[in-house]
Structures are given as structure tokens and as C-alpha cells.
Amino acid sequence: MSSLEEALLQKPPPSVVVCHHEAAACHHEGCPGCAMDRRKESLRGRIPYKELFFVAATTLAGSLPITCLFPFMYFMVRDFNIAKREEDIGSYAGFLAASYMIGRAITSIFWGIAADRLGRKPVIAFSMLSVVILQIFFGLSTKYWMAIAARLLLGSLNGLLGPIKAYAIEVCQTEHQALGISVVNTVWGLGVVIGPGLGGYLAQPAEKYPQTFSKESVFGRFPYLLPCLVVSIFAAIVLISCIWLPETIHKHKITEKDIRIVKALPSQQAHWDMPRKKSLLQNWPWMSTMLSYCLFGLHETAYSEILSIWAVSDSKYGGLSFSSGDIGQVLSVSGASLLVYQLIIYHWVNKFLGPLNSSRIASSLSILVLATFPFMTYLSGTKLSFAIYAAAMTKSVLGITISCGMCLLQNNAVRQDQRGTANGIATTGMSFFKAVAPVGAGILFSWAQKRHDATFFPGDQVVFLMLILVQLCGLISTFEPFLVLPPVEECR
């Protein structure tokens, strides 16, 4: 691959002025996709703040249920009295966390196809409805099987991730597509850390806030209902706002004239906007990018779970003996750092490095950050607080850099009418890896706690060593021959 081809892929193309008279001829009356195209043209290069705000709110509502249980998952499994020994709680917690991803892996392709055929709006609205209902059901669970069933159904019926990524691309002009994807990934990452904050502060309210919540109240009898209820209420607000959500999918066939207009653009723009292969399975650049996407998703999920249960586990097993509120606060602060990073720094990172190089550098730095966690057990007080806050914030920033880069590469490797399906397939693959991650992480963590006194790589060290190895595999997958960049085709 030439350096020119790689440079064109890594950096977004400059905006191109197309004849409005010729472009207007491609618009069809009554087509929501064409209406959205006219809306983008009327913005004249301005950022679509209204649409991106809705994308942010919807993404946040869809991401909160995934990790809001992490701070109290250990205590919830303990209260189910299903684990015979304390060391076995991690294994059961891993299966509970994995059930959501298993459900999502089963149905994501279906939701992607539905989003391409029915539209983005109905799939997004139904996903919000599933969060409203099933999140409350999970909070009311009194048995382990009830909690597993609620999470499995929620993962199956919440088909949001693929369609919302396609939607974020489609409401933006080419020069703002990176911003659209970064909004999804930033808010998703923010939700992944705000969720544990809600779970950490609001779980077991009768014990934490006895002046406000009595043990005889509904929140005393169901100690994990309150954080789930807050998530459901927010999802209900987003569901209502879907009434005003504009559709972006085209309801007509793409004509040859449309295709010729795209092919007539300058070579850099043609590389990004040209019609892709009809079969996604023949689109090797897209498929190879999925490999990296799945590996990094596996790592991030395993890291999130291990950090939570490692921090709250007893110091005699190599943990930090944090409370659920302590780790919730750490994750919330690291989420706040994402906002600062995205608003001030990420734009320049993407501009100068591009999505591919920024992902590689962030992956390399993540390995160094992960290596510091096992040594925090030797710290205490202010030193421990500073170390874990700094490491968690840095790791979150690096993770969102990788995620944004991979999503940009994926969505620009497929056609618009395939984007929902492509994101659905990618979500299925990523969900499978993310389903394996909590199970593997839980089993690994339980095994590691039993060998805390080992001379060679004791428990806490071997856990983070495995995380480093997974991150290293993800980094390797961003280079040839694993990652195949699409060729730059000259216009004919």
C-alpha cells in the first residue's frame, strides 16, 4: 500500500462544492432521506447541533443500562445466595454481565436490516421502549435467573447501537462525519462510566441514606431498583422525543445519475463517497476493520468489569477494598474527562493524526497505563486516590480515541443503504466478543484470587497481564496484513 493511499484513508477529505441544480435533481418528494439531504445543504457547512444533540441523548439512554450494574453486581449476586464461596461470586457476576451482550449478539443483524428497510426512527424508538420496561424488571429481580432473563431480553430488544451510528453519519455533511461518530462514541463511553456512577451512588439506598429511605420501603425491599428506575425514566424522556426525530433513510432506489454525480467528484472525495461493493462479505476493508473493532471491544468490556470488581474486592485478595460508591466516583470522574477531551483535544488529534494512527498510538499508550494498576495495591490514602483517578481518566481517553477511529473506518467503507446492516453485523461481532469478555474476566478474576500468594505473577498481576495481551492483539490487528485499507480509485 502506498503512503498516499494510507494518508487519504486516515484523514477526511476536504469539502467539495457540487452544483446545486444538479444535486437538486436527485431529490425525491416525500423521501425522508432526500429531505435530510436538503436540510444538510441548507446548513451550508454548519454543524447540525439539533440532530447531534438528539444522537447524544439517545446514545446516553442506550448505554446507561450496560454498566449501571457494575458497582453493585458483586453485592447483587451475593444477595442471591447462589455462590457457595465468596471467591465464586466473580464467576456468577461474569455470566450476569455477559447475558446482555449475548442477547445483543443474537439480534443485532436483525435490527441492522430492519433499520435499512423500515428506517432508523422505528428501531431507535423500540429500543428506548425496551430500556424503559426491562431495566425496571431487572431492578425488581429477586432471583439470579430473573436478573439473567432481564439482561438477556434487554440485550436482544435494544437494537440501538448500529442504527444510531448510521444516523449520526447521515445527519452530517462529509466534513462533520468524524464529529458525528465521535459524539456517539464519546457519549457511549460517557454513559458507560456514568452508569456505574448511578449504580454506585443509588444502589442499596436504605443502607446508604437511612434518613431518606427506610428498609420497609420499596427501595429497601428492592435495594437495586433505584438506579434502574432512574435509567428507565431518562429513556422514557428520550422515547417521547422520538416523535420529532427526522428520518434519514432513502425510500427510493439510487439512480445511475446519482452514481455518476458521486463518481464525478475529485479523487479524494470519490474515495470516501463512491458506491461500495454490493456484497458486504466481499468488502474486505470493512471486514478487516471489524476484527480490530471486536478485539478492542473485548478489551474495553473486560477492563470495565475487572476494574470494578478488583477495586471493591477485599485487600486480602489483592483488591483495593473500595465501596461501590468509591469506584462509582472514580468511573464518573473518568467519564467527565471524556467530555473535556472530546470538546477541546480530540478534534486536533484526529486532524493531525487521522483515525488510524491515533488508534495505534492510543492502543500503545493503553498498554503502559494497564501495567500500573497492579502496583496500586502498595499505595494508600492520597497517593492511591491520585494514582487510580489518573489511570482511569487516561485509560478512558485512550479508549474513546480508539473507538472513534475504528468506527470512522468502518462507516466510510460501506454504502449508505448498507450502513445499518453493516453496523448491525459489526455490533453482533462486537457483542459476541463483549459477551465472552465478562465471562472470561469473571472466571479469570476468581481463579486469580485463589492464587494471590503465588510467587510468579500473583492474582492481581496476572489479571492485568491478560488485559495487556488482549490490547496488544488489538494493536497488531491495525497493521497489515490484518487490516486491509481500501484502494484509492481514480475517477474515470
Foldseek 3Di string as FASTA:
>chain_A
DDPVFVVLLQAFDDDDDDDPVLVVVQADPPWLQSVLVVVQVVCVQDDPVVLLVLLLLLLLLLQLVLALCLLCLLVLLVQLVPDPDSLQSLLLSLLLSLLLLVLLLVALLVLLLCCLVVFLLVLSLQLLVLLLPLLLQLLPDNHSVSSSVSSNSNSNSNNNPLSSLLSLQSSHDRVCNLVSLLSSLLSSLLSNLLSLLLSLPQAQCCVVPVVVDPLPDPCNVRRRNVSSNVSSVSSVVSSVVSVPPRTNHTPDDRDPSNQVSLLPDALSSNLQAHAADPDPVPLQLLVLLLVLVQLLLLLVLLVSNCLSCQQCDDVLLQRVVDHSNVVSVLSNLLSVLSVVCSVPPVVVVCNPQGLLRLLLVLLVVLLVLLQCVSVLSVDDDPVSVVSSSVSSNSNSNSSSSNNSSSSSSNQSSHHSSCSSSSSSNSSSSNSVSSSVNSNVSSVLQSVQSVQQVPPPQGRVRVSSVVSSVSSVVSSVSSDPPSRDRDGRDGRD
